[in-house]
Amino acid sequence: MRLTTKITLLQVAAIAVIVATVSTLGYFFGLKEYTRLELAEHQRDLKRLEFALDQQRQNIVTITSDWAFWDEMLAFVAGGARDEQFVASTVSASSLLTINIYSAVWFDSVSHPLIAVNLDPDSRAEVKANSFSIYLDGHRQQLVPSDISRTASGFVRTGDGQIWLYAVLPITDSKQSAPAAGQLLFARPLDDSLLETISQSVQIPVELFPPEHPELQSSLPSGDLDPRYAFCLEQDPLRHGLVFIRDPGNQVIGGLR
């Protein structure tokens, strides 16, 4: 084989090696960039989902405030909740159904319940107790502030595994200038209809995971730190992650994805 032929073959081989190397590096860096963009998109989805979930918490606070910051409600509670006409027209199951509230408690100035109205989330019928009211009986100190001028809101998981949103606000006048005469607690379940509302607001499918679900367990960080989002990048770099739902005691009671 002549020298020029050998040189030509070596040049062709070198070019082939360069092309293969460039292609491999391009694929590697391209995949890495694709993964980075995918993760960024998923993180944006999680932030939107977290915002939508918190918006529902704020919504129940707003609904509760509409009833708590009300001159007639203040007079009703200050009078010991003896106005039967007011009870029949306002403090009723039918009134609560119009605002999707399934558990309501009116407390006096020392946080003792005056009136409670509970509805079954499935049948929408008034019942003596539902899973939230049963939970409240054992956790009132954690949910209802001892200072009746304070507010509280958040999520709890009841004995039947249902997650509920709740809000507690002081009962005062419409200008919020009068001393609080008591407290009002409203609660509703994080049910399929509410999940559908959240899904529509973020324009992505939303799934609720209970705390014992493998998806949630595998996403919990070591030592259960307190991140907003959990990513298992070591196991799956394209994983969506989860938005944790925590109760007032900071325990994870569910996750959204």
Protein backbone atom coordinates (compact mmCIF):
# COMPACT_ATOMS: atom_id res chain seq x y z
CA MET A 1 0.00 0.00 0.00
CA ARG A 2 1.41 3.32 -1.03
CA LEU A 3 2.17 6.01 1.56
CA THR A 4 -0.45 8.41 0.19
CA THR A 5 -3.10 5.71 0.48
CA LYS A 6 -2.14 5.01 4.10
CA ILE A 7 -2.29 8.73 4.91
CA THR A 8 -5.72 8.99 3.29
CA LEU A 9 -7.04 6.01 5.26
CA LEU A 10 -5.66 7.43 8.48
CA GLN A 11 -7.33 10.77 7.75
CA VAL A 12 -10.65 9.06 7.05
CA ALA A 13 -10.35 7.05 10.27
CA ALA A 14 -9.51 10.18 12.26
CA ILE A 15 -12.48 12.01 10.78
CA ALA A 16 -14.73 9.05 11.62
CA VAL A 17 -13.49 9.07 15.23
CA ILE A 18 -14.07 12.83 15.48
CA VAL A 19 -17.58 12.53 14.04
CA ALA A 20 -18.42 9.67 16.40
CA THR A 21 -17.05 11.59 19.37
CA VAL A 22 -18.94 14.76 18.45
CA SER A 23 -22.14 12.75 17.95
CA THR A 24 -21.74 11.02 21.29
CA LEU A 25 -21.03 14.26 23.10
CA GLY A 26 -23.91 15.94 21.30
CA TYR A 27 -26.26 13.17 22.34
CA PHE A 28 -25.01 13.27 25.93
CA PHE A 29 -25.24 17.03 26.31
CA GLY A 30 -28.48 17.13 24.36
CA LEU A 31 -30.02 14.55 26.67
CA LYS A 32 -28.69 16.42 29.67
CA GLU A 33 -30.22 19.66 28.38
CA TYR A 34 -33.49 17.88 27.63
CA THR A 35 -33.54 16.47 31.15
CA ARG A 36 -32.81 19.91 32.60
CA LEU A 37 -35.66 21.45 30.62
CA GLU A 38 -38.01 18.63 31.61
CA LEU A 39 -37.14 19.10 35.29
CA ALA A 40 -37.62 22.85 35.00
CA GLU A 41 -41.03 22.31 33.43
CA HIS A 42 -42.02 19.85 36.13
CA GLN A 43 -40.88 22.24 38.84
CA ARG A 44 -43.00 25.00 37.29
CA ASP A 45 -45.95 22.59 37.31
CA LEU A 46 -45.33 21.86 40.99
CA LYS A 47 -45.16 25.54 41.86
CA ARG A 48 -48.44 26.14 40.02
CA LEU A 49 -49.96 23.15 41.80
CA GLU A 50 -48.76 24.36 45.19
CA PHE A 51 -50.21 27.80 44.48
CA ALA A 52 -53.54 26.30 43.39
CA LEU A 53 -53.73 24.17 46.54
CA ASP A 54 -52.96 27.14 48.76
CA GLN A 55 -55.56 29.15 46.84
CA GLN A 56 -58.19 26.65 47.99
CA ARG A 57 -57.04 27.14 51.57
CA GLN A 58 -57.33 30.88 51.13
CA ASN A 59 -60.77 30.44 49.58
CA ILE A 60 -62.14 28.72 52.67
CA VAL A 61 -60.65 31.50 54.79
CA THR A 62 -62.46 34.05 52.63
CA ILE A 63 -65.76 32.15 52.82
CA THR A 64 -65.43 31.88 56.60
CA SER A 65 -64.65 35.58 56.92
CA ASP A 66 -67.80 36.46 54.96
CA TRP A 67 -69.81 34.82 57.73
CA ALA A 68 -67.59 35.70 60.71
CA PHE A 69 -67.19 39.41 59.97
CA TRP A 70 -70.90 40.15 60.03
CA ASP A 71 -72.87 42.40 62.39
CA GLU A 72 -75.83 40.01 62.62
CA MET A 73 -73.55 37.06 63.31
CA LEU A 74 -71.79 39.01 66.04
CA ALA A 75 -75.14 39.80 67.69
CA PHE A 76 -76.22 36.19 67.29
CA VAL A 77 -73.15 34.77 69.06
CA ALA A 78 -72.98 37.55 71.64
CA GLY A 79 -76.60 36.77 72.55
CA GLY A 80 -75.76 33.16 73.27
CA ALA A 81 -77.07 31.86 69.92
CA ARG A 82 -80.69 31.89 71.10
CA ASP A 83 -82.21 33.49 68.00
CA GLU A 84 -84.14 30.55 66.55
CA GLN A 85 -85.22 32.53 63.50
CA PHE A 86 -81.61 33.35 62.67
CA VAL A 87 -80.69 29.70 63.11
CA ALA A 88 -83.45 28.55 60.79
CA SER A 89 -82.68 31.09 58.07
CA THR A 90 -78.89 31.25 58.23
CA VAL A 91 -77.23 28.68 60.47
CA SER A 92 -78.61 25.73 58.55
CA ALA A 93 -77.49 22.81 56.44
CA SER A 94 -79.10 24.23 53.31
CA SER A 95 -77.20 27.50 53.73
CA LEU A 96 -73.90 25.71 54.19
CA LEU A 97 -74.44 23.53 51.12
CA THR A 98 -74.64 26.61 48.92
CA ILE A 99 -71.04 27.43 49.86
CA ASN A 100 -69.78 23.80 49.92
CA ILE A 101 -69.18 23.72 53.66
CA TYR A 102 -69.75 20.33 55.28
CA SER A 103 -68.83 21.05 58.87
CA ALA A 104 -69.40 24.28 60.81
CA VAL A 105 -69.05 25.15 64.48
CA TRP A 106 -69.88 28.40 66.24
CA PHE A 107 -67.84 28.90 69.45
CA ASP A 108 -68.48 31.35 72.27
CA SER A 109 -65.94 33.70 73.83
CA VAL A 110 -64.24 30.87 75.73
CA SER A 111 -64.12 28.51 72.73
CA HIS A 112 -67.01 26.35 73.84
CA PRO A 113 -69.23 25.21 70.95
CA LEU A 114 -72.63 26.87 70.74
CA ILE A 115 -73.94 25.27 67.56
CA ALA A 116 -72.54 22.65 65.20
CA VAL A 117 -73.85 21.68 61.78
CA ASN A 118 -72.44 18.66 59.98
CA LEU A 119 -73.23 17.15 56.60
CA ASP A 120 -72.28 13.88 54.98
CA PRO A 121 -70.02 14.70 51.98
CA ASP A 122 -71.47 11.83 49.92
CA SER A 123 -75.19 12.17 50.56
CA ARG A 124 -75.06 15.93 51.36
CA ALA A 125 -77.57 15.21 54.12
CA GLU A 126 -77.33 16.68 57.59
CA VAL A 127 -75.86 14.24 60.10
CA LYS A 128 -75.08 14.32 63.79
CA ALA A 129 -71.38 13.86 63.11
CA ASN A 130 -69.04 13.37 60.16
CA SER A 131 -65.38 12.41 60.03
CA PHE A 132 -64.22 16.00 60.52
CA SER A 133 -66.41 16.66 63.56
CA ILE A 134 -65.16 13.42 65.10
CA TYR A 135 -61.56 14.50 64.40
CA LEU A 136 -62.28 17.94 65.87
CA ASP A 137 -63.53 16.43 69.14
CA GLY A 138 -60.08 14.96 69.74
CA HIS A 139 -57.97 17.78 68.29
CA ARG A 140 -59.78 21.00 69.18
CA GLN A 141 -56.80 22.49 70.98
CA GLN A 142 -54.61 22.00 67.90
CA LEU A 143 -57.14 23.49 65.47
CA VAL A 144 -58.98 26.20 67.41
CA PRO A 145 -56.79 29.03 68.78
CA SER A 146 -57.25 29.71 72.49
CA ASP A 147 -56.98 33.42 71.67
CA ILE A 148 -60.30 34.06 69.94
CA SER A 149 -58.90 37.06 68.07
CA ARG A 150 -56.51 34.83 66.12
CA THR A 151 -57.15 33.00 62.86
CA ALA A 152 -56.11 29.51 61.79
CA SER A 153 -56.40 27.46 58.63
CA GLY A 154 -54.92 24.40 57.02
CA PHE A 155 -55.42 20.70 56.31
CA VAL A 156 -56.13 17.65 58.45
CA ARG A 157 -56.57 13.95 57.70
CA THR A 158 -59.51 12.38 59.46
CA GLY A 159 -59.91 8.83 60.69
CA ASP A 160 -61.45 7.63 57.42
CA GLY A 161 -58.42 8.84 55.45
CA GLN A 162 -60.16 11.92 54.02
CA ILE A 163 -58.20 15.19 53.86
CA TRP A 164 -60.18 18.27 54.93
CA LEU A 165 -59.52 21.99 54.59
CA TYR A 166 -60.55 24.13 57.55
CA ALA A 167 -60.50 27.74 58.71
CA VAL A 168 -61.18 29.34 62.10
CA LEU A 169 -61.83 33.08 62.34
CA PRO A 170 -62.96 35.45 65.11
CA ILE A 171 -66.60 36.53 65.00
CA THR A 172 -66.75 40.31 64.93
CA ASP A 173 -68.49 43.14 63.11
CA SER A 174 -68.20 43.86 59.39
CA LYS A 175 -65.56 46.54 60.03
CA GLN A 176 -63.60 44.16 62.29
CA SER A 177 -63.48 46.88 64.93
CA ALA A 178 -65.56 45.24 67.69
CA PRO A 179 -63.99 42.78 70.13
CA ALA A 180 -64.45 39.19 69.05
CA ALA A 181 -67.48 37.52 70.63
CA GLY A 182 -66.53 34.02 69.56
CA GLN A 183 -65.10 31.97 66.72
CA LEU A 184 -66.42 30.36 63.55
CA LEU A 185 -64.97 27.18 62.08
CA PHE A 186 -65.76 26.04 58.53
CA ALA A 187 -64.45 22.84 56.92
CA ARG A 188 -64.82 20.96 53.66
CA PRO A 189 -63.22 17.81 52.24
CA LEU A 190 -60.51 17.81 49.61
CA ASP A 191 -62.75 15.68 47.40
CA ASP A 192 -62.84 14.82 43.70
CA SER A 193 -64.72 17.99 42.78
CA LEU A 194 -62.13 20.17 44.50
CA LEU A 195 -59.28 18.20 42.90
CA GLU A 196 -60.93 18.76 39.52
CA THR A 197 -61.09 22.49 40.24
CA ILE A 198 -57.37 22.47 41.06
CA SER A 199 -56.62 20.43 37.93
CA GLN A 200 -58.49 22.89 35.74
CA SER A 201 -56.74 25.87 37.29
CA VAL A 202 -53.25 24.44 36.61
CA GLN A 203 -54.31 22.74 33.34
CA ILE A 204 -52.64 19.45 34.21
CA PRO A 205 -54.05 16.19 35.63
CA VAL A 206 -53.86 16.10 39.43
CA GLU A 207 -53.68 13.02 41.62
CA LEU A 208 -53.92 12.81 45.40
CA PHE A 209 -51.69 10.30 47.20
CA PRO A 210 -52.35 9.18 50.80
CA PRO A 211 -49.31 9.23 53.13
CA GLU A 212 -48.92 5.44 53.04
CA HIS A 213 -48.85 5.28 49.22
CA PRO A 214 -45.50 4.03 47.80
CA GLU A 215 -45.28 7.07 45.51
CA LEU A 216 -45.35 9.39 48.50
CA GLN A 217 -43.16 7.24 50.71
CA SER A 218 -40.43 7.03 48.06
CA SER A 219 -40.52 10.81 47.64
CA LEU A 220 -40.13 11.64 51.32
CA PRO A 221 -36.59 12.89 51.90
CA SER A 222 -34.27 11.29 54.39
CA GLY A 223 -35.27 12.34 57.88
CA ASP A 224 -38.46 13.93 56.49
CA LEU A 225 -37.00 17.40 56.04
CA ASP A 226 -39.34 20.20 55.09
CA PRO A 227 -38.90 20.95 51.37
CA ARG A 228 -41.75 22.31 49.26
CA TYR A 229 -41.12 19.68 46.63
CA ALA A 230 -39.59 16.21 46.68
CA PHE A 231 -37.53 15.06 43.70
CA CYS A 232 -36.05 11.59 43.44
CA LEU A 233 -33.43 12.47 40.85
CA GLU A 234 -31.23 9.51 41.73
CA GLN A 235 -34.02 7.06 40.86
CA ASP A 236 -35.72 8.82 37.97
CA PRO A 237 -34.48 12.18 36.59
CA LEU A 238 -37.78 12.82 34.79
CA ARG A 239 -39.96 12.25 37.82
CA HIS A 240 -42.61 14.91 38.47
CA GLY A 241 -42.15 15.08 42.23
CA LEU A 242 -44.88 15.83 44.76
CA VAL A 243 -46.36 18.75 46.62
CA PHE A 244 -46.62 17.68 50.25
CA ILE A 245 -49.78 18.37 52.27
CA ARG A 246 -49.05 18.81 55.97
CA ASP A 247 -51.29 19.08 59.01
CA PRO A 248 -50.87 21.64 61.83
CA GLY A 249 -48.36 19.32 63.48
CA ASN A 250 -46.23 19.41 60.31
CA GLN A 251 -46.92 15.73 59.55
CA VAL A 252 -47.23 14.75 55.90
CA ILE A 253 -50.86 13.67 55.40
CA GLY A 254 -50.88 13.45 51.60
CA GLY A 255 -49.29 14.56 48.38
CA LEU A 256 -50.42 16.04 45.08
CA ARG A 257 -48.91 15.37 41.69
